[in-house]
C-alpha cells in the first residue's frame, strides 16, 4: 500500500506478509526529499532552473555573488550548476530537494518543483 505522508516530501511503501516461519510481519521503506542535494543530480536539477537568479535571491544569495557567477561562467548551464554548488556549500545539509522545491512553489513554478521532487525520490529509498 502506498500512502503519502506529506505532499511531495515523503512516501512510504508498507508490505505486510504472513508466513508459517515468521508469522505476521511488515516492512516499510520510505522515500524522502529532506536529504541534501547530491552532486550526481546537479546537472538534471540545473535544467529545471531557467530563472536561477530569482531562485538564488530567494535562497539569500547576494547580488554580487550572482553577478560574479554570471560574469565568470559563459553558459546558462554552467551558471546554474555553479549557483547550486555555492548554495550547497554555504547551506550544507539544509540545501535539500525539499527546500529548493518550496522556493520554486513560492515563485509560482510548481512544475519545476514537482520535477525536483521526482529527481529526489528516484533514488532516495531507505529503510526506516
N, C-alpha and C. Protein backbone atom coordinates (compact mmCIF):
# COMPACT_ATOMS: atom_id res chain seq x y z
N UNK A 1 0.85 -1.17 0.00
CA UNK A 1 0.00 0.00 0.00
C UNK A 1 0.89 1.23 0.00
N UNK A 2 0.54 2.22 -0.75
CA UNK A 2 1.34 3.44 -0.86
C UNK A 2 0.57 4.56 -0.20
N UNK A 3 1.17 5.17 0.80
CA UNK A 3 0.50 6.27 1.49
C UNK A 3 1.37 7.50 1.46
N UNK A 4 0.78 8.61 1.12
CA UNK A 4 1.52 9.86 1.10
C UNK A 4 1.45 10.47 2.49
N UNK A 5 2.61 10.66 3.11
CA UNK A 5 2.65 11.22 4.45
C UNK A 5 2.66 12.74 4.43
N UNK A 6 3.41 13.32 3.49
CA UNK A 6 3.46 14.76 3.30
C UNK A 6 3.50 14.98 1.80
N UNK A 7 2.76 15.92 1.27
CA UNK A 7 2.78 16.13 -0.18
C UNK A 7 4.20 16.38 -0.69
N UNK A 8 4.60 15.56 -1.63
CA UNK A 8 5.88 15.69 -2.32
C UNK A 8 7.12 15.60 -1.45
N UNK A 9 7.01 15.20 -0.21
CA UNK A 9 8.22 15.13 0.60
C UNK A 9 8.54 13.74 1.10
N UNK A 10 7.54 12.90 1.30
CA UNK A 10 7.83 11.59 1.87
C UNK A 10 6.76 10.61 1.46
N UNK A 11 7.19 9.44 1.03
CA UNK A 11 6.27 8.38 0.66
C UNK A 11 6.72 7.10 1.32
N UNK A 12 5.78 6.31 1.77
CA UNK A 12 6.12 5.06 2.42
C UNK A 12 5.42 3.91 1.72
N UNK A 13 6.17 2.86 1.47
CA UNK A 13 5.60 1.63 0.96
C UNK A 13 5.67 0.63 2.10
N UNK A 14 4.55 0.06 2.44
CA UNK A 14 4.48 -0.91 3.52
C UNK A 14 4.03 -2.25 2.95
N UNK A 15 4.83 -3.28 3.19
CA UNK A 15 4.50 -4.62 2.73
C UNK A 15 4.17 -5.45 3.96
N UNK A 16 2.99 -6.02 3.96
CA UNK A 16 2.59 -6.90 5.06
C UNK A 16 2.51 -8.32 4.54
N UNK A 17 3.03 -9.25 5.33
CA UNK A 17 3.04 -10.65 4.91
C UNK A 17 2.83 -11.56 6.12
N UNK A 18 2.50 -12.78 5.81
CA UNK A 18 2.32 -13.78 6.87
C UNK A 18 2.94 -15.08 6.36
N UNK A 19 3.84 -15.63 7.18
CA UNK A 19 4.45 -16.91 6.84
C UNK A 19 4.34 -17.83 8.05
N UNK A 20 4.48 -19.10 7.79
CA UNK A 20 4.45 -20.06 8.89
C UNK A 20 5.65 -19.87 9.79
N UNK A 21 6.78 -19.60 9.20
CA UNK A 21 8.02 -19.49 9.96
C UNK A 21 8.06 -18.23 10.82
N UNK A 22 7.64 -17.08 10.27
CA UNK A 22 7.77 -15.81 10.98
C UNK A 22 6.45 -15.22 11.47
N UNK A 23 5.34 -15.80 11.07
CA UNK A 23 4.05 -15.22 11.44
C UNK A 23 3.80 -13.95 10.65
N UNK A 24 3.02 -13.03 11.22
CA UNK A 24 2.74 -11.78 10.52
C UNK A 24 3.86 -10.78 10.74
N UNK A 25 4.22 -10.07 9.69
CA UNK A 25 5.24 -9.03 9.80
C UNK A 25 5.02 -8.00 8.71
N UNK A 26 5.66 -6.86 8.87
CA UNK A 26 5.58 -5.84 7.83
C UNK A 26 6.93 -5.16 7.69
N UNK A 27 7.19 -4.67 6.50
CA UNK A 27 8.41 -3.95 6.20
C UNK A 27 8.00 -2.62 5.58
N UNK A 28 8.59 -1.54 6.06
CA UNK A 28 8.31 -0.22 5.50
C UNK A 28 9.58 0.36 4.88
N UNK A 29 9.43 0.92 3.71
CA UNK A 29 10.53 1.62 3.04
C UNK A 29 10.03 3.02 2.75
N UNK A 30 10.85 4.01 3.09
CA UNK A 30 10.44 5.40 2.93
C UNK A 30 11.35 6.11 1.94
N UNK A 31 10.73 6.88 1.07
CA UNK A 31 11.46 7.78 0.18
C UNK A 31 11.25 9.19 0.71
N UNK A 32 12.31 9.97 0.74
CA UNK A 32 12.18 11.31 1.29
C UNK A 32 12.95 12.33 0.46
N UNK A 33 12.53 13.57 0.54
CA UNK A 33 13.23 14.65 -0.16
C UNK A 33 13.91 15.58 0.84
N UNK A 34 13.97 15.19 2.10
CA UNK A 34 14.58 16.02 3.13
C UNK A 34 16.10 15.84 3.19
N UNK A 35 16.66 15.16 2.21
CA UNK A 35 18.10 14.94 2.17
C UNK A 35 18.78 16.03 1.36
N UNK A 36 20.07 16.22 1.65
CA UNK A 36 20.88 17.18 0.92
C UNK A 36 20.95 16.79 -0.55
N UNK A 37 20.96 17.76 -1.42
CA UNK A 37 21.04 17.52 -2.86
C UNK A 37 22.38 16.85 -3.18
N UNK A 38 22.31 15.80 -3.97
CA UNK A 38 23.51 15.05 -4.33
C UNK A 38 24.17 15.65 -5.57
N UNK A 39 25.49 15.55 -5.61
CA UNK A 39 26.24 16.05 -6.76
C UNK A 39 25.75 15.44 -8.06
N UNK A 40 25.42 14.15 -8.02
CA UNK A 40 25.03 13.47 -9.26
C UNK A 40 23.71 13.99 -9.82
N UNK A 41 22.95 14.74 -9.04
CA UNK A 41 21.68 15.30 -9.51
C UNK A 41 21.79 16.74 -9.99
N UNK A 42 22.95 17.36 -9.80
CA UNK A 42 23.08 18.80 -10.06
C UNK A 42 22.76 19.17 -11.51
N UNK A 43 23.27 18.44 -12.46
CA UNK A 43 23.04 18.79 -13.86
C UNK A 43 21.55 18.69 -14.20
N UNK A 44 20.92 17.64 -13.74
CA UNK A 44 19.49 17.45 -14.01
C UNK A 44 18.66 18.54 -13.33
N UNK A 45 18.99 18.88 -12.10
CA UNK A 45 18.28 19.94 -11.38
C UNK A 45 18.51 21.29 -12.06
N UNK A 46 19.76 21.54 -12.49
CA UNK A 46 20.08 22.80 -13.15
C UNK A 46 19.18 23.03 -14.36
N UNK A 47 18.85 21.96 -15.05
CA UNK A 47 17.96 22.07 -16.21
C UNK A 47 16.55 22.49 -15.87
N UNK A 48 16.19 22.38 -14.61
CA UNK A 48 14.85 22.77 -14.16
C UNK A 48 14.81 24.19 -13.60
N UNK A 49 15.91 24.93 -13.70
CA UNK A 49 16.01 26.26 -13.10
C UNK A 49 16.30 27.34 -14.15
N UNK A 50 15.41 27.56 -15.10
CA UNK A 50 15.70 28.57 -16.13
C UNK A 50 15.89 29.97 -15.55
N UNK A 51 15.22 30.29 -14.46
CA UNK A 51 15.35 31.59 -13.81
C UNK A 51 16.13 31.43 -12.50
N UNK A 52 17.31 30.87 -12.61
CA UNK A 52 18.09 30.53 -11.43
C UNK A 52 18.43 31.75 -10.57
N UNK A 53 18.57 32.93 -11.19
CA UNK A 53 18.94 34.12 -10.42
C UNK A 53 17.85 34.51 -9.44
N UNK A 54 16.60 34.33 -9.84
CA UNK A 54 15.48 34.62 -8.94
C UNK A 54 15.47 33.62 -7.79
N UNK A 55 15.73 32.36 -8.12
CA UNK A 55 15.80 31.32 -7.09
C UNK A 55 16.94 31.63 -6.12
N UNK A 56 18.08 32.03 -6.67
CA UNK A 56 19.25 32.36 -5.84
C UNK A 56 18.92 33.48 -4.85
N UNK A 57 18.23 34.49 -5.31
CA UNK A 57 17.84 35.60 -4.42
C UNK A 57 16.94 35.11 -3.30
N UNK A 58 16.00 34.22 -3.64
CA UNK A 58 15.10 33.66 -2.62
C UNK A 58 15.86 32.85 -1.58
N UNK A 59 16.99 32.28 -2.01
CA UNK A 59 17.81 31.47 -1.10
C UNK A 59 18.91 32.32 -0.45
N UNK A 60 18.70 33.63 -0.45
CA UNK A 60 19.58 34.59 0.22
C UNK A 60 20.99 34.69 -0.36
N UNK A 61 21.12 34.47 -1.65
CA UNK A 61 22.41 34.69 -2.29
C UNK A 61 22.48 36.17 -2.67
N UNK A 62 23.58 36.80 -2.38
CA UNK A 62 23.74 38.22 -2.61
C UNK A 62 23.88 38.59 -4.09
N UNK A 63 23.55 39.85 -4.39
CA UNK A 63 23.61 40.36 -5.76
C UNK A 63 25.02 40.22 -6.34
N UNK A 64 26.04 40.56 -5.56
CA UNK A 64 27.42 40.48 -6.04
C UNK A 64 27.82 39.05 -6.39
N UNK A 65 27.41 38.12 -5.56
CA UNK A 65 27.74 36.71 -5.81
C UNK A 65 27.05 36.22 -7.09
N UNK A 66 25.80 36.63 -7.29
CA UNK A 66 25.07 36.26 -8.50
C UNK A 66 25.76 36.87 -9.72
N UNK A 67 26.12 38.13 -9.64
CA UNK A 67 26.81 38.80 -10.76
C UNK A 67 28.15 38.13 -11.05
N UNK A 68 28.85 37.70 -10.03
CA UNK A 68 30.13 37.02 -10.19
C UNK A 68 29.93 35.71 -10.96
N UNK A 69 28.89 34.98 -10.64
CA UNK A 69 28.59 33.72 -11.34
C UNK A 69 28.33 34.01 -12.82
N UNK A 70 27.51 35.02 -13.09
CA UNK A 70 27.19 35.38 -14.48
C UNK A 70 28.45 35.78 -15.24
N UNK A 71 29.29 36.58 -14.61
CA UNK A 71 30.50 37.10 -15.25
C UNK A 71 31.52 36.00 -15.55
N UNK A 72 31.65 35.04 -14.64
CA UNK A 72 32.69 34.03 -14.76
C UNK A 72 32.28 32.73 -15.42
N UNK A 73 31.03 32.60 -15.77
CA UNK A 73 30.54 31.35 -16.38
C UNK A 73 29.68 31.71 -17.58
N UNK A 74 30.14 31.30 -18.77
CA UNK A 74 29.51 31.74 -20.01
C UNK A 74 28.14 31.13 -20.27
N UNK A 75 28.01 29.84 -20.09
CA UNK A 75 26.73 29.22 -20.45
C UNK A 75 25.75 29.24 -19.28
N UNK A 76 24.48 29.22 -19.63
CA UNK A 76 23.43 29.20 -18.60
C UNK A 76 23.55 27.95 -17.73
N UNK A 77 23.89 26.82 -18.34
CA UNK A 77 24.03 25.58 -17.57
C UNK A 77 25.17 25.70 -16.55
N UNK A 78 26.30 26.25 -16.96
CA UNK A 78 27.42 26.44 -16.03
C UNK A 78 27.01 27.36 -14.88
N UNK A 79 26.27 28.41 -15.20
CA UNK A 79 25.82 29.34 -14.17
C UNK A 79 24.91 28.66 -13.17
N UNK A 80 23.97 27.87 -13.67
CA UNK A 80 23.02 27.17 -12.78
C UNK A 80 23.74 26.18 -11.88
N UNK A 81 24.66 25.41 -12.46
CA UNK A 81 25.39 24.41 -11.67
C UNK A 81 26.27 25.10 -10.63
N UNK A 82 26.90 26.20 -11.02
CA UNK A 82 27.73 26.95 -10.06
C UNK A 82 26.88 27.51 -8.93
N UNK A 83 25.72 28.06 -9.27
CA UNK A 83 24.81 28.55 -8.24
C UNK A 83 24.46 27.43 -7.27
N UNK A 84 24.05 26.27 -7.79
CA UNK A 84 23.69 25.15 -6.92
C UNK A 84 24.87 24.74 -6.03
N UNK A 85 26.06 24.67 -6.61
CA UNK A 85 27.26 24.28 -5.85
C UNK A 85 27.53 25.25 -4.71
N UNK A 86 27.42 26.53 -5.00
CA UNK A 86 27.68 27.55 -3.97
C UNK A 86 26.61 27.49 -2.88
N UNK A 87 25.36 27.31 -3.26
CA UNK A 87 24.28 27.21 -2.28
C UNK A 87 24.47 25.99 -1.38
N UNK A 88 24.81 24.87 -1.97
CA UNK A 88 25.02 23.65 -1.20
C UNK A 88 26.22 23.80 -0.27
N UNK A 89 27.30 24.40 -0.77
CA UNK A 89 28.49 24.61 0.06
C UNK A 89 28.17 25.53 1.23
N UNK A 90 27.36 26.54 0.99
CA UNK A 90 27.02 27.51 2.04
C UNK A 90 26.05 26.92 3.06
N UNK A 91 24.99 26.26 2.58
CA UNK A 91 23.93 25.80 3.49
C UNK A 91 24.08 24.36 3.97
N UNK A 92 24.99 23.61 3.39
CA UNK A 92 25.24 22.24 3.84
C UNK A 92 24.00 21.36 3.80
N UNK A 93 23.73 20.70 4.90
CA UNK A 93 22.60 19.77 4.97
C UNK A 93 21.25 20.45 4.81
N UNK A 94 21.21 21.76 4.97
CA UNK A 94 19.95 22.49 4.80
C UNK A 94 19.62 22.72 3.33
N UNK A 95 20.57 22.45 2.44
CA UNK A 95 20.35 22.60 1.00
C UNK A 95 19.71 21.32 0.47
N UNK A 96 18.41 21.21 0.67
CA UNK A 96 17.69 19.98 0.35
C UNK A 96 16.82 20.12 -0.89
N UNK A 97 16.43 18.98 -1.43
CA UNK A 97 15.48 18.96 -2.54
C UNK A 97 14.19 19.66 -2.11
N UNK A 98 13.78 19.37 -0.88
CA UNK A 98 12.54 19.95 -0.36
C UNK A 98 12.63 21.48 -0.31
N UNK A 99 13.73 22.02 0.20
CA UNK A 99 13.89 23.47 0.30
C UNK A 99 13.84 24.12 -1.08
N UNK A 100 14.54 23.54 -2.03
CA UNK A 100 14.55 24.07 -3.39
C UNK A 100 13.14 24.01 -3.99
N UNK A 101 12.44 22.92 -3.75
CA UNK A 101 11.06 22.79 -4.24
C UNK A 101 10.13 23.82 -3.62
N UNK A 102 10.30 24.07 -2.33
CA UNK A 102 9.47 25.06 -1.64
C UNK A 102 9.67 26.45 -2.24
N UNK A 103 10.93 26.79 -2.54
CA UNK A 103 11.22 28.08 -3.16
C UNK A 103 10.56 28.16 -4.54
N UNK A 104 10.65 27.09 -5.30
CA UNK A 104 10.04 27.09 -6.63
C UNK A 104 8.52 27.25 -6.57
N UNK A 105 7.89 26.65 -5.58
CA UNK A 105 6.44 26.81 -5.40
C UNK A 105 6.13 28.26 -5.06
N UNK A 106 6.93 28.86 -4.16
CA UNK A 106 6.74 30.28 -3.81
C UNK A 106 6.86 31.18 -5.04
N UNK A 107 7.72 30.78 -5.97
CA UNK A 107 7.94 31.57 -7.19
C UNK A 107 6.98 31.20 -8.31
N UNK A 108 5.94 30.47 -7.96
CA UNK A 108 4.90 30.07 -8.92
C UNK A 108 5.46 29.19 -10.04
N UNK A 109 6.33 28.27 -9.66
CA UNK A 109 6.93 27.30 -10.59
C UNK A 109 6.64 25.88 -10.10
N UNK A 110 5.34 25.51 -9.97
CA UNK A 110 5.03 24.18 -9.42
C UNK A 110 5.51 23.02 -10.30
N UNK A 111 5.57 23.21 -11.59
CA UNK A 111 6.06 22.14 -12.47
C UNK A 111 7.52 21.82 -12.19
N UNK A 112 8.32 22.87 -12.04
CA UNK A 112 9.74 22.68 -11.72
C UNK A 112 9.90 22.07 -10.34
N UNK A 113 9.08 22.51 -9.39
CA UNK A 113 9.13 21.96 -8.03
C UNK A 113 8.83 20.47 -8.04
N UNK A 114 7.83 20.09 -8.80
CA UNK A 114 7.47 18.68 -8.87
C UNK A 114 8.59 17.86 -9.51
N UNK A 115 9.24 18.41 -10.52
CA UNK A 115 10.34 17.71 -11.17
C UNK A 115 11.50 17.50 -10.21
N UNK A 116 11.79 18.50 -9.37
CA UNK A 116 12.86 18.36 -8.37
C UNK A 116 12.51 17.23 -7.40
N UNK A 117 11.24 17.17 -6.99
CA UNK A 117 10.80 16.09 -6.10
C UNK A 117 10.99 14.72 -6.76
N UNK A 118 10.64 14.63 -8.04
CA UNK A 118 10.79 13.37 -8.76
C UNK A 118 12.26 12.95 -8.82
N UNK A 119 13.14 13.91 -9.06
CA UNK A 119 14.58 13.61 -9.09
C UNK A 119 15.03 13.04 -7.74
N UNK A 120 14.57 13.67 -6.67
CA UNK A 120 14.95 13.22 -5.33
C UNK A 120 14.42 11.82 -5.04
N UNK A 121 13.18 11.59 -5.37
CA UNK A 121 12.55 10.32 -5.00
C UNK A 121 13.01 9.15 -5.84
N UNK A 122 13.64 9.40 -6.96
CA UNK A 122 14.07 8.29 -7.80
C UNK A 122 15.18 7.46 -7.17
N UNK A 123 15.89 8.00 -6.19
CA UNK A 123 16.99 7.22 -5.59
C UNK A 123 17.11 7.41 -4.09
N UNK A 124 16.12 7.96 -3.46
CA UNK A 124 16.19 8.23 -2.02
C UNK A 124 15.46 7.17 -1.19
N UNK A 125 15.52 5.93 -1.63
CA UNK A 125 14.85 4.88 -0.86
C UNK A 125 15.76 4.42 0.25
N UNK A 126 15.18 4.34 1.43
CA UNK A 126 15.97 3.87 2.58
C UNK A 126 15.04 3.20 3.57
N UNK A 127 15.59 2.27 4.33
CA UNK A 127 14.78 1.61 5.35
C UNK A 127 14.56 2.55 6.49
N UNK A 128 13.41 2.42 7.10
CA UNK A 128 13.07 3.28 8.25
C UNK A 128 12.98 2.44 9.49
